Amino acid sequence: MPCSRFSLPPGDAAGRPGRNELHPAALVSLSSRQPKYLFASPLAAWTRRPGLRAGFVLPFFWYRSDTLQVRGVPLLYLDHTFQGTGQRTRMFGPYVMVDSPSVTARVFFPFYARYWEPGDTGTYVFPLYFGRRGDNGYRLDSFLPFFWSSHDQDHRTLVVGPWFRAENSRKHSHASGLIPLFVSADSPSAVCW
C-alpha cells in the first residue's frame, strides 16, 4: 500500500510543535506557514486551504470559497449559493428552486414554473399556459395559440383564435378583426388603411 509523509502545521493551540507522520494515503500539507491539505484516492479527494474547501467522495462533490458554495450529486442534487448576494439555487432532479432577496422561483421541468419578484409574479404550465400579474395592475393570461388576454390601466387586448380586439383608453383608440376576413381600427392620432 502506498504511504506518504506529511507535516502538520507548526504548533497547535496548546503550543506543541508540529510533527511528521506516515499515513497510508496521499495526505499532504503543502505549506508550513498556513495549513493547506490535500487528500487524493481513487474514490475521494479533497483540499482545504484558507478561503477554499473542495472535494468529492464517489459522486458527491463540494466546493466552498469566500464567494461561492456548491455541493451536489450530478443529475440528482445541486445546492449552489452566492455568498455575497444570498442567491441560492437548489435542484432535486427535475425540480429547481431559486431563492434570492429579490426573486423566488420554482420549476418542475418541463411541466410547471412559477416566479415571484417585487411587483410581479408569473406562472407557466408547459407547453400552453402563461399568466402574469403585476402590482401596477398589469394582468396577462394566455393559452397559446388559442387565447390571449392582457390589460392594465390604459390598455386591453383580447385574442381568441383568429379574432382580436385591442383598446387604448389613453389614446382613445381601438382595433378589432377576424383575420383574414376583416380588420377595423379607429384612432384619432393615426391613419388606418
N, C-alpha and C. Protein backbone atom coordinates (compact mmCIF):
# COMPACT_ATOMS: atom_id res chain seq x y z
N MET A 1 0.85 -1.17 0.00
CA MET A 1 0.00 0.00 0.00
C MET A 1 0.89 1.24 0.00
N PRO A 2 0.62 2.19 -0.88
CA PRO A 2 1.48 3.37 -0.91
C PRO A 2 1.29 4.21 0.35
N CYS A 3 2.39 4.72 0.84
CA CYS A 3 2.35 5.58 2.01
C CYS A 3 2.96 6.92 1.65
N SER A 4 2.56 7.93 2.36
CA SER A 4 3.15 9.24 2.12
C SER A 4 3.39 9.93 3.44
N ARG A 5 4.30 10.85 3.42
CA ARG A 5 4.66 11.59 4.63
C ARG A 5 4.04 12.97 4.52
N PHE A 6 3.51 13.47 5.61
CA PHE A 6 3.02 14.83 5.62
C PHE A 6 3.43 15.50 6.91
N SER A 7 3.44 16.82 6.87
CA SER A 7 3.82 17.60 8.04
C SER A 7 2.61 18.37 8.52
N LEU A 8 2.37 18.30 9.81
CA LEU A 8 1.31 19.13 10.38
C LEU A 8 1.82 20.56 10.48
N PRO A 9 0.95 21.53 10.51
CA PRO A 9 1.40 22.91 10.63
C PRO A 9 2.18 23.12 11.91
N PRO A 10 3.08 24.09 11.93
CA PRO A 10 3.93 24.25 13.11
C PRO A 10 3.10 24.64 14.33
N GLY A 11 3.05 23.77 15.29
CA GLY A 11 2.37 24.07 16.54
C GLY A 11 0.87 23.93 16.45
N ASP A 12 0.23 23.82 17.58
CA ASP A 12 -1.22 23.79 17.64
C ASP A 12 -1.66 24.80 18.70
N ALA A 13 -2.93 24.74 19.06
CA ALA A 13 -3.47 25.72 20.01
C ALA A 13 -2.80 25.60 21.37
N ALA A 14 -2.32 24.42 21.72
CA ALA A 14 -1.68 24.22 23.02
C ALA A 14 -0.19 24.56 22.99
N GLY A 15 0.32 24.97 21.82
CA GLY A 15 1.71 25.36 21.71
C GLY A 15 2.66 24.21 21.45
N ARG A 16 2.14 23.00 21.17
CA ARG A 16 3.01 21.86 20.88
C ARG A 16 3.57 22.02 19.45
N PRO A 17 4.80 21.61 19.25
CA PRO A 17 5.39 21.74 17.91
C PRO A 17 4.75 20.77 16.92
N GLY A 18 4.87 21.09 15.62
CA GLY A 18 4.38 20.21 14.57
C GLY A 18 5.15 18.92 14.53
N ARG A 19 4.62 17.91 13.83
CA ARG A 19 5.30 16.63 13.79
C ARG A 19 5.10 16.00 12.40
N ASN A 20 5.97 15.07 12.09
CA ASN A 20 5.86 14.32 10.85
C ASN A 20 5.20 12.99 11.16
N GLU A 21 4.31 12.53 10.27
CA GLU A 21 3.66 11.25 10.45
C GLU A 21 3.61 10.53 9.11
N LEU A 22 3.49 9.22 9.18
CA LEU A 22 3.39 8.39 7.99
C LEU A 22 1.98 7.80 7.93
N HIS A 23 1.28 8.00 6.80
CA HIS A 23 -0.11 7.53 6.68
C HIS A 23 -0.29 6.78 5.36
N PRO A 24 -1.19 5.79 5.34
CA PRO A 24 -1.44 5.04 4.11
C PRO A 24 -2.43 5.76 3.20
N ALA A 25 -2.04 6.84 2.61
CA ALA A 25 -2.82 7.59 1.63
C ALA A 25 -2.03 8.83 1.28
N ALA A 26 -2.51 9.55 0.31
CA ALA A 26 -1.81 10.76 -0.10
C ALA A 26 -2.42 11.95 0.64
N LEU A 27 -1.99 12.20 1.84
CA LEU A 27 -2.44 13.33 2.63
C LEU A 27 -1.21 14.21 2.82
N VAL A 28 -1.25 15.42 2.30
CA VAL A 28 -0.04 16.23 2.24
C VAL A 28 -0.34 17.63 2.74
N SER A 29 0.53 18.19 3.55
CA SER A 29 0.47 19.60 3.89
C SER A 29 1.38 20.32 2.92
N LEU A 30 0.85 21.30 2.23
CA LEU A 30 1.60 21.96 1.17
C LEU A 30 2.38 23.16 1.65
N SER A 31 2.15 23.61 2.88
CA SER A 31 2.84 24.79 3.38
C SER A 31 3.00 24.66 4.88
N SER A 32 4.08 25.16 5.38
CA SER A 32 4.25 25.10 6.83
C SER A 32 3.78 26.39 7.50
N ARG A 33 3.55 27.46 6.74
CA ARG A 33 3.10 28.70 7.35
C ARG A 33 1.59 28.73 7.55
N GLN A 34 0.83 28.39 6.53
CA GLN A 34 -0.62 28.32 6.64
C GLN A 34 -1.04 26.91 6.27
N PRO A 35 -1.96 26.32 7.04
CA PRO A 35 -2.31 24.93 6.76
C PRO A 35 -3.04 24.80 5.41
N LYS A 36 -2.50 23.94 4.55
CA LYS A 36 -3.11 23.59 3.27
C LYS A 36 -3.06 22.08 3.18
N TYR A 37 -4.20 21.45 2.96
CA TYR A 37 -4.25 20.00 2.95
C TYR A 37 -4.78 19.50 1.63
N LEU A 38 -4.31 18.36 1.23
CA LEU A 38 -4.76 17.70 0.02
C LEU A 38 -4.82 16.21 0.31
N PHE A 39 -5.96 15.60 0.00
CA PHE A 39 -6.11 14.16 0.12
C PHE A 39 -6.58 13.66 -1.24
N ALA A 40 -5.99 12.58 -1.73
CA ALA A 40 -6.40 12.04 -3.03
C ALA A 40 -6.37 10.52 -2.98
N SER A 41 -7.43 9.93 -3.50
CA SER A 41 -7.51 8.48 -3.66
C SER A 41 -8.43 8.22 -4.85
N PRO A 42 -8.56 7.00 -5.31
CA PRO A 42 -9.44 6.73 -6.45
C PRO A 42 -10.92 7.04 -6.19
N LEU A 43 -11.36 6.95 -4.94
CA LEU A 43 -12.78 7.14 -4.63
C LEU A 43 -13.10 8.48 -4.01
N ALA A 44 -12.08 9.23 -3.60
CA ALA A 44 -12.33 10.51 -2.94
C ALA A 44 -11.10 11.39 -3.06
N ALA A 45 -11.33 12.68 -3.01
CA ALA A 45 -10.25 13.66 -2.98
C ALA A 45 -10.81 14.93 -2.37
N TRP A 46 -9.97 15.65 -1.62
CA TRP A 46 -10.39 16.94 -1.13
C TRP A 46 -9.18 17.78 -0.81
N THR A 47 -9.43 19.07 -0.75
CA THR A 47 -8.39 20.02 -0.39
C THR A 47 -9.00 21.03 0.56
N ARG A 48 -8.15 21.55 1.42
CA ARG A 48 -8.58 22.58 2.36
C ARG A 48 -7.42 23.54 2.52
N ARG A 49 -7.70 24.80 2.27
CA ARG A 49 -6.72 25.86 2.45
C ARG A 49 -7.47 27.14 2.76
N PRO A 50 -6.82 28.19 3.15
CA PRO A 50 -7.53 29.42 3.50
C PRO A 50 -8.40 29.91 2.35
N GLY A 51 -9.68 30.07 2.61
CA GLY A 51 -10.61 30.59 1.61
C GLY A 51 -11.15 29.57 0.64
N LEU A 52 -10.77 28.28 0.76
CA LEU A 52 -11.23 27.28 -0.19
C LEU A 52 -11.30 25.90 0.45
N ARG A 53 -12.41 25.23 0.22
CA ARG A 53 -12.58 23.82 0.58
C ARG A 53 -13.29 23.18 -0.60
N ALA A 54 -12.75 22.09 -1.10
CA ALA A 54 -13.34 21.43 -2.26
C ALA A 54 -12.99 19.96 -2.23
N GLY A 55 -13.83 19.16 -2.90
CA GLY A 55 -13.53 17.75 -2.99
C GLY A 55 -14.70 16.93 -3.48
N PHE A 56 -14.49 15.61 -3.47
CA PHE A 56 -15.55 14.68 -3.86
C PHE A 56 -15.36 13.37 -3.12
N VAL A 57 -16.45 12.68 -2.89
CA VAL A 57 -16.46 11.32 -2.38
C VAL A 57 -17.47 10.58 -3.24
N LEU A 58 -16.96 9.66 -4.05
CA LEU A 58 -17.77 8.97 -5.05
C LEU A 58 -18.48 10.04 -5.90
N PRO A 59 -19.82 10.04 -6.09
CA PRO A 59 -20.39 11.07 -6.96
C PRO A 59 -20.65 12.40 -6.24
N PHE A 60 -20.62 12.43 -4.91
CA PHE A 60 -20.90 13.67 -4.19
C PHE A 60 -19.69 14.60 -4.27
N PHE A 61 -19.94 15.88 -4.57
CA PHE A 61 -18.86 16.86 -4.65
C PHE A 61 -19.23 18.10 -3.85
N TRP A 62 -18.24 18.89 -3.48
CA TRP A 62 -18.47 20.15 -2.80
C TRP A 62 -17.36 21.12 -3.16
N TYR A 63 -17.71 22.40 -3.09
CA TYR A 63 -16.77 23.49 -3.34
C TYR A 63 -17.25 24.67 -2.51
N ARG A 64 -16.35 25.24 -1.72
CA ARG A 64 -16.73 26.40 -0.92
C ARG A 64 -15.57 27.37 -0.91
N SER A 65 -15.86 28.60 -1.34
CA SER A 65 -14.87 29.67 -1.29
C SER A 65 -15.52 30.85 -0.56
N ASP A 66 -14.84 31.98 -0.55
CA ASP A 66 -15.39 33.15 0.11
C ASP A 66 -16.61 33.70 -0.63
N THR A 67 -16.77 33.40 -1.92
CA THR A 67 -17.87 33.97 -2.71
C THR A 67 -18.89 32.94 -3.18
N LEU A 68 -18.57 31.66 -3.12
CA LEU A 68 -19.43 30.65 -3.73
C LEU A 68 -19.43 29.37 -2.91
N GLN A 69 -20.59 28.75 -2.84
CA GLN A 69 -20.71 27.44 -2.19
C GLN A 69 -21.54 26.54 -3.09
N VAL A 70 -21.00 25.37 -3.45
CA VAL A 70 -21.68 24.42 -4.32
C VAL A 70 -21.48 23.03 -3.75
N ARG A 71 -22.53 22.22 -3.80
CA ARG A 71 -22.42 20.81 -3.43
C ARG A 71 -23.50 20.05 -4.17
N GLY A 72 -23.25 18.78 -4.43
CA GLY A 72 -24.26 18.03 -5.14
C GLY A 72 -23.83 16.66 -5.59
N VAL A 73 -24.78 16.00 -6.23
CA VAL A 73 -24.58 14.72 -6.89
C VAL A 73 -25.10 14.94 -8.32
N PRO A 74 -24.26 14.80 -9.35
CA PRO A 74 -24.69 15.13 -10.70
C PRO A 74 -26.02 14.49 -11.09
N LEU A 75 -26.90 15.30 -11.67
CA LEU A 75 -28.22 14.96 -12.18
C LEU A 75 -29.24 14.63 -11.09
N LEU A 76 -28.84 14.52 -9.84
CA LEU A 76 -29.78 14.21 -8.76
C LEU A 76 -29.98 15.36 -7.78
N TYR A 77 -28.90 16.05 -7.42
CA TYR A 77 -28.98 17.07 -6.38
C TYR A 77 -27.92 18.13 -6.63
N LEU A 78 -28.31 19.39 -6.45
CA LEU A 78 -27.36 20.51 -6.55
C LEU A 78 -27.81 21.59 -5.59
N ASP A 79 -26.87 22.16 -4.86
CA ASP A 79 -27.13 23.30 -3.98
C ASP A 79 -26.04 24.32 -4.27
N HIS A 80 -26.41 25.46 -4.82
CA HIS A 80 -25.48 26.47 -5.32
C HIS A 80 -25.84 27.80 -4.68
N THR A 81 -24.91 28.41 -3.94
CA THR A 81 -25.19 29.66 -3.23
C THR A 81 -24.08 30.67 -3.50
N PHE A 82 -24.49 31.90 -3.89
CA PHE A 82 -23.56 33.02 -3.98
C PHE A 82 -23.52 33.66 -2.60
N GLN A 83 -22.38 33.64 -1.94
CA GLN A 83 -22.27 34.12 -0.57
C GLN A 83 -22.57 35.62 -0.47
N GLY A 84 -22.13 36.43 -1.43
CA GLY A 84 -22.30 37.88 -1.34
C GLY A 84 -23.73 38.34 -1.55
N THR A 85 -24.45 37.74 -2.49
CA THR A 85 -25.81 38.18 -2.81
C THR A 85 -26.87 37.38 -2.08
N GLY A 86 -26.53 36.19 -1.62
CA GLY A 86 -27.51 35.35 -0.95
C GLY A 86 -28.40 34.58 -1.91
N GLN A 87 -28.12 34.63 -3.22
CA GLN A 87 -28.92 33.86 -4.17
C GLN A 87 -28.57 32.39 -4.05
N ARG A 88 -29.61 31.58 -3.88
CA ARG A 88 -29.41 30.14 -3.71
C ARG A 88 -30.26 29.39 -4.73
N THR A 89 -29.64 28.44 -5.40
CA THR A 89 -30.32 27.57 -6.35
C THR A 89 -30.18 26.14 -5.86
N ARG A 90 -31.32 25.46 -5.73
CA ARG A 90 -31.31 24.06 -5.32
C ARG A 90 -32.03 23.25 -6.38
N MET A 91 -31.51 22.08 -6.67
CA MET A 91 -32.08 21.21 -7.68
C MET A 91 -32.18 19.80 -7.13
N PHE A 92 -33.37 19.23 -7.23
CA PHE A 92 -33.60 17.83 -6.89
C PHE A 92 -34.17 17.18 -8.13
N GLY A 93 -33.32 16.58 -8.95
CA GLY A 93 -33.77 16.03 -10.22
C GLY A 93 -34.38 17.13 -11.09
N PRO A 94 -35.64 16.98 -11.53
CA PRO A 94 -36.24 17.99 -12.39
C PRO A 94 -36.84 19.18 -11.63
N TYR A 95 -36.80 19.16 -10.29
CA TYR A 95 -37.38 20.25 -9.50
C TYR A 95 -36.28 21.24 -9.12
N VAL A 96 -36.44 22.51 -9.51
CA VAL A 96 -35.44 23.54 -9.28
C VAL A 96 -36.06 24.66 -8.46
N MET A 97 -35.34 25.13 -7.45
CA MET A 97 -35.78 26.23 -6.61
C MET A 97 -34.71 27.31 -6.62
N VAL A 98 -35.11 28.56 -6.89
CA VAL A 98 -34.21 29.70 -6.85
C VAL A 98 -34.74 30.66 -5.81
N ASP A 99 -33.90 31.04 -4.85
CA ASP A 99 -34.28 31.99 -3.80
C ASP A 99 -33.21 33.05 -3.70
N SER A 100 -33.63 34.30 -3.71
CA SER A 100 -32.71 35.42 -3.50
C SER A 100 -33.50 36.53 -2.84
N PRO A 101 -32.83 37.57 -2.40
CA PRO A 101 -33.58 38.67 -1.78
C PRO A 101 -34.59 39.32 -2.73
N SER A 102 -34.39 39.22 -4.05
CA SER A 102 -35.30 39.90 -4.98
C SER A 102 -36.18 38.97 -5.81
N VAL A 103 -35.83 37.69 -5.95
CA VAL A 103 -36.58 36.78 -6.81
C VAL A 103 -36.71 35.41 -6.14
N THR A 104 -37.88 34.81 -6.31
CA THR A 104 -38.10 33.43 -5.89
C THR A 104 -38.73 32.70 -7.06
N ALA A 105 -38.25 31.52 -7.36
CA ALA A 105 -38.79 30.74 -8.48
C ALA A 105 -38.82 29.27 -8.12
N ARG A 106 -39.80 28.60 -8.68
CA ARG A 106 -39.94 27.15 -8.54
C ARG A 106 -40.24 26.58 -9.92
N VAL A 107 -39.52 25.54 -10.30
CA VAL A 107 -39.70 24.93 -11.62
C VAL A 107 -39.73 23.42 -11.45
N PHE A 108 -40.75 22.80 -12.02
CA PHE A 108 -40.77 21.35 -12.15
C PHE A 108 -40.68 21.08 -13.65
N PHE A 109 -39.43 20.93 -14.11
CA PHE A 109 -39.15 20.88 -15.54
C PHE A 109 -39.61 19.57 -16.15
N PRO A 110 -40.25 19.60 -17.28
CA PRO A 110 -40.66 20.71 -18.14
C PRO A 110 -42.13 21.09 -18.00
N PHE A 111 -42.76 20.82 -16.89
CA PHE A 111 -44.21 20.96 -16.80
C PHE A 111 -44.71 22.25 -16.17
N TYR A 112 -43.99 22.80 -15.19
CA TYR A 112 -44.54 23.90 -14.42
C TYR A 112 -43.44 24.82 -13.95
N ALA A 113 -43.72 26.12 -13.93
CA ALA A 113 -42.79 27.10 -13.37
C ALA A 113 -43.58 28.25 -12.77
N ARG A 114 -43.05 28.81 -11.69
CA ARG A 114 -43.68 29.96 -11.05
C ARG A 114 -42.57 30.83 -10.49
N TYR A 115 -42.70 32.15 -10.65
CA TYR A 115 -41.72 33.07 -10.09
C TYR A 115 -42.42 34.21 -9.38
N TRP A 116 -41.74 34.76 -8.38
CA TRP A 116 -42.21 35.92 -7.64
C TRP A 116 -41.04 36.88 -7.54
N GLU A 117 -41.30 38.14 -7.80
CA GLU A 117 -40.35 39.20 -7.54
C GLU A 117 -41.15 40.42 -7.11
N PRO A 118 -40.55 41.39 -6.48
CA PRO A 118 -41.32 42.54 -6.01
C PRO A 118 -42.10 43.18 -7.16
N GLY A 119 -43.41 43.19 -7.02
CA GLY A 119 -44.26 43.81 -8.02
C GLY A 119 -44.66 42.94 -9.18
N ASP A 120 -44.24 41.67 -9.22
CA ASP A 120 -44.52 40.85 -10.40
C ASP A 120 -44.51 39.37 -10.04
N THR A 121 -45.48 38.62 -10.55
CA THR A 121 -45.48 37.16 -10.41
C THR A 121 -45.85 36.56 -11.76
N GLY A 122 -45.39 35.36 -11.99
CA GLY A 122 -45.70 34.69 -13.25
C GLY A 122 -45.83 33.20 -13.05
N THR A 123 -46.67 32.58 -13.88
CA THR A 123 -46.90 31.14 -13.83
C THR A 123 -46.86 30.58 -15.24
N TYR A 124 -46.15 29.49 -15.42
CA TYR A 124 -46.10 28.77 -16.68
C TYR A 124 -46.60 27.35 -16.43
N VAL A 125 -47.48 26.88 -17.27
CA VAL A 125 -47.84 25.47 -17.28
C VAL A 125 -47.55 25.02 -18.70
N PHE A 126 -46.45 24.29 -18.86
CA PHE A 126 -45.95 23.95 -20.19
C PHE A 126 -46.86 22.93 -20.85
N PRO A 127 -47.06 23.02 -22.14
CA PRO A 127 -46.47 23.98 -23.07
C PRO A 127 -47.39 25.14 -23.43
N LEU A 128 -48.59 25.24 -22.88
CA LEU A 128 -49.56 26.20 -23.42
C LEU A 128 -49.85 27.42 -22.55
N TYR A 129 -49.88 27.33 -21.24
CA TYR A 129 -50.38 28.43 -20.41
C TYR A 129 -49.27 29.30 -19.86
N PHE A 130 -49.49 30.61 -19.88
CA PHE A 130 -48.63 31.57 -19.21
C PHE A 130 -49.51 32.64 -18.59
N GLY A 131 -49.28 32.96 -17.33
CA GLY A 131 -50.02 34.02 -16.65
C GLY A 131 -49.07 34.91 -15.90
N ARG A 132 -49.39 36.21 -15.86
CA ARG A 132 -48.53 37.17 -15.18
C ARG A 132 -49.40 38.19 -14.48
N ARG A 133 -49.01 38.61 -13.28
CA ARG A 133 -49.71 39.61 -12.50
C ARG A 133 -48.69 40.62 -11.99
N GLY A 134 -49.03 41.89 -12.10
CA GLY A 134 -48.16 42.94 -11.60
C GLY A 134 -48.88 43.82 -10.60
N ASP A 135 -48.13 44.37 -9.66
CA ASP A 135 -48.73 45.29 -8.69
C ASP A 135 -49.21 46.58 -9.33
N ASN A 136 -48.72 46.89 -10.53
CA ASN A 136 -49.15 48.09 -11.24
C ASN A 136 -50.48 47.89 -11.97
N GLY A 137 -51.12 46.74 -11.79
CA GLY A 137 -52.41 46.47 -12.42
C GLY A 137 -52.31 45.64 -13.69
N TYR A 138 -51.11 45.35 -14.14
CA TYR A 138 -50.97 44.55 -15.36
C TYR A 138 -51.39 43.11 -15.08
N ARG A 139 -52.12 42.55 -16.03
CA ARG A 139 -52.61 41.18 -15.89
C ARG A 139 -52.56 40.53 -17.27
N LEU A 140 -52.00 39.34 -17.34
CA LEU A 140 -51.88 38.61 -18.61
C LEU A 140 -52.26 37.16 -18.36
N ASP A 141 -53.09 36.63 -19.23
CA ASP A 141 -53.42 35.21 -19.25
C ASP A 141 -53.37 34.76 -20.69
N SER A 142 -52.65 33.69 -20.95
CA SER A 142 -52.59 33.18 -22.32
C SER A 142 -52.65 31.67 -22.31
N PHE A 143 -53.34 31.16 -23.28
CA PHE A 143 -53.42 29.72 -23.53
C PHE A 143 -53.13 29.57 -25.02
N LEU A 144 -51.82 29.61 -25.33
CA LEU A 144 -51.39 29.70 -26.74
C LEU A 144 -51.63 28.39 -27.47
N PRO A 145 -52.01 28.47 -28.72
CA PRO A 145 -52.26 29.63 -29.59
C PRO A 145 -53.73 30.04 -29.63
N PHE A 146 -54.53 29.65 -28.66
CA PHE A 146 -55.98 29.83 -28.75
C PHE A 146 -56.49 31.09 -28.07
N PHE A 147 -55.83 31.55 -27.01
CA PHE A 147 -56.40 32.63 -26.20
C PHE A 147 -55.30 33.52 -25.64
N TRP A 148 -55.53 34.84 -25.62
CA TRP A 148 -54.62 35.81 -25.04
C TRP A 148 -55.46 36.93 -24.47
N SER A 149 -55.25 37.27 -23.22
CA SER A 149 -55.94 38.40 -22.60
C SER A 149 -54.94 39.15 -21.75
N SER A 150 -54.76 40.43 -22.03
CA SER A 150 -53.85 41.25 -21.22
C SER A 150 -54.47 42.62 -21.04
N HIS A 151 -54.25 43.19 -19.86
CA HIS A 151 -54.74 44.55 -19.64
C HIS A 151 -54.01 45.19 -18.47
N ASP A 152 -53.98 46.51 -18.50
CA ASP A 152 -53.53 47.32 -17.39
C ASP A 152 -54.47 48.52 -17.30
N GLN A 153 -54.05 49.61 -16.70
CA GLN A 153 -54.94 50.75 -16.52
C GLN A 153 -55.38 51.36 -17.85
N ASP A 154 -54.54 51.35 -18.87
CA ASP A 154 -54.82 52.06 -20.12
C ASP A 154 -55.02 51.16 -21.32
N HIS A 155 -54.59 49.94 -21.28
CA HIS A 155 -54.61 49.06 -22.45
C HIS A 155 -55.37 47.78 -22.14
N ARG A 156 -56.01 47.24 -23.17
CA ARG A 156 -56.71 45.95 -23.03
C ARG A 156 -56.61 45.25 -24.39
N THR A 157 -56.20 43.98 -24.35
CA THR A 157 -56.10 43.18 -25.57
C THR A 157 -56.73 41.82 -25.31
N LEU A 158 -57.52 41.36 -26.24
CA LEU A 158 -58.14 40.05 -26.15
C LEU A 158 -58.02 39.38 -27.51
N VAL A 159 -57.51 38.16 -27.53
CA VAL A 159 -57.37 37.39 -28.77
C VAL A 159 -57.97 36.01 -28.49
N VAL A 160 -58.91 35.61 -29.32
CA VAL A 160 -59.50 34.28 -29.25
C VAL A 160 -59.42 33.69 -30.65
N GLY A 161 -58.51 32.74 -30.83
CA GLY A 161 -58.30 32.17 -32.16
C GLY A 161 -57.91 33.27 -33.14
N PRO A 162 -58.62 33.38 -34.28
CA PRO A 162 -58.28 34.41 -35.26
C PRO A 162 -58.92 35.77 -34.96
N TRP A 163 -59.77 35.87 -33.93
CA TRP A 163 -60.43 37.14 -33.61
C TRP A 163 -59.62 37.90 -32.56
N PHE A 164 -59.54 39.24 -32.70
CA PHE A 164 -58.82 40.05 -31.72
C PHE A 164 -59.54 41.37 -31.49
N ARG A 165 -59.26 41.96 -30.34
CA ARG A 165 -59.74 43.31 -30.02
C ARG A 165 -58.69 43.93 -29.11
N ALA A 166 -58.29 45.15 -29.43
CA ALA A 166 -57.31 45.90 -28.64
C ALA A 166 -57.84 47.30 -28.40
N GLU A 167 -57.69 47.79 -27.18
CA GLU A 167 -58.15 49.12 -26.82
C GLU A 167 -57.05 49.87 -26.08
N ASN A 168 -56.98 51.18 -26.32
CA ASN A 168 -56.08 52.05 -25.60
C ASN A 168 -56.92 53.22 -25.11
N SER A 169 -57.27 53.25 -23.84
CA SER A 169 -58.14 54.30 -23.33
C SER A 169 -57.42 55.64 -23.23
N ARG A 170 -56.11 55.64 -23.09
CA ARG A 170 -55.37 56.90 -23.03
C ARG A 170 -55.40 57.61 -24.38
N LYS A 171 -55.25 56.87 -25.46
CA LYS A 171 -55.25 57.47 -26.80
C LYS A 171 -56.62 57.39 -27.46
N HIS A 172 -57.62 56.85 -26.77
CA HIS A 172 -58.99 56.72 -27.29
C HIS A 172 -58.99 56.00 -28.63
N SER A 173 -58.29 54.88 -28.69
CA SER A 173 -58.21 54.12 -29.93
C SER A 173 -58.57 52.67 -29.66
N HIS A 174 -58.98 52.00 -30.72
CA HIS A 174 -59.26 50.58 -30.61
C HIS A 174 -59.10 49.93 -31.98
N ALA A 175 -58.94 48.62 -31.97
CA ALA A 175 -58.85 47.85 -33.21
C ALA A 175 -59.47 46.49 -32.94
N SER A 176 -60.09 45.94 -33.96
CA SER A 176 -60.65 44.60 -33.84
C SER A 176 -60.63 43.96 -35.22
N GLY A 177 -60.74 42.64 -35.23
CA GLY A 177 -60.73 41.97 -36.52
C GLY A 177 -60.90 40.47 -36.38
N LEU A 178 -61.17 39.88 -37.52
CA LEU A 178 -61.25 38.44 -37.66
C LEU A 178 -60.33 38.11 -38.83
N ILE A 179 -59.12 37.73 -38.51
CA ILE A 179 -58.09 37.51 -39.52
C ILE A 179 -58.42 36.24 -40.29
N PRO A 180 -58.38 36.21 -41.59
CA PRO A 180 -58.01 37.22 -42.58
C PRO A 180 -59.23 37.93 -43.19
N LEU A 181 -60.41 37.82 -42.59
CA LEU A 181 -61.61 38.36 -43.21
C LEU A 181 -61.75 39.86 -43.09
N PHE A 182 -61.51 40.45 -41.91
CA PHE A 182 -61.60 41.90 -41.81
C PHE A 182 -60.80 42.40 -40.62
N VAL A 183 -60.45 43.70 -40.69
CA VAL A 183 -59.79 44.41 -39.61
C VAL A 183 -60.40 45.80 -39.56
N SER A 184 -60.72 46.25 -38.36
CA SER A 184 -61.28 47.58 -38.18
C SER A 184 -60.48 48.27 -37.10
N ALA A 185 -60.10 49.52 -37.36
CA ALA A 185 -59.31 50.28 -36.39
C ALA A 185 -59.80 51.71 -36.36
N ASP A 186 -59.78 52.32 -35.18
CA ASP A 186 -60.18 53.70 -35.01
C ASP A 186 -59.21 54.35 -34.05
N SER A 187 -58.53 55.39 -34.55
CA SER A 187 -57.57 56.13 -33.73
C SER A 187 -57.53 57.56 -34.17
N PRO A 188 -57.77 58.52 -33.28
CA PRO A 188 -57.75 59.92 -33.70
C PRO A 188 -56.37 60.41 -34.10
N SER A 189 -55.30 59.73 -33.68
CA SER A 189 -53.95 60.21 -33.97
C SER A 189 -53.24 59.40 -35.06
N ALA A 190 -53.89 58.43 -35.67
CA ALA A 190 -53.22 57.61 -36.68
C ALA A 190 -54.10 57.41 -37.89
N VAL A 191 -53.49 57.18 -39.02
CA VAL A 191 -54.19 56.93 -40.26
C VAL A 191 -54.21 55.42 -40.46
N CYS A 192 -55.39 54.87 -40.67
CA CYS A 192 -55.53 53.42 -40.89
C CYS A 192 -55.94 53.17 -42.33
N TRP A 193 -55.58 52.01 -42.85
CA TRP A 193 -55.95 51.67 -44.22
C TRP A 193 -57.34 51.09 -44.26
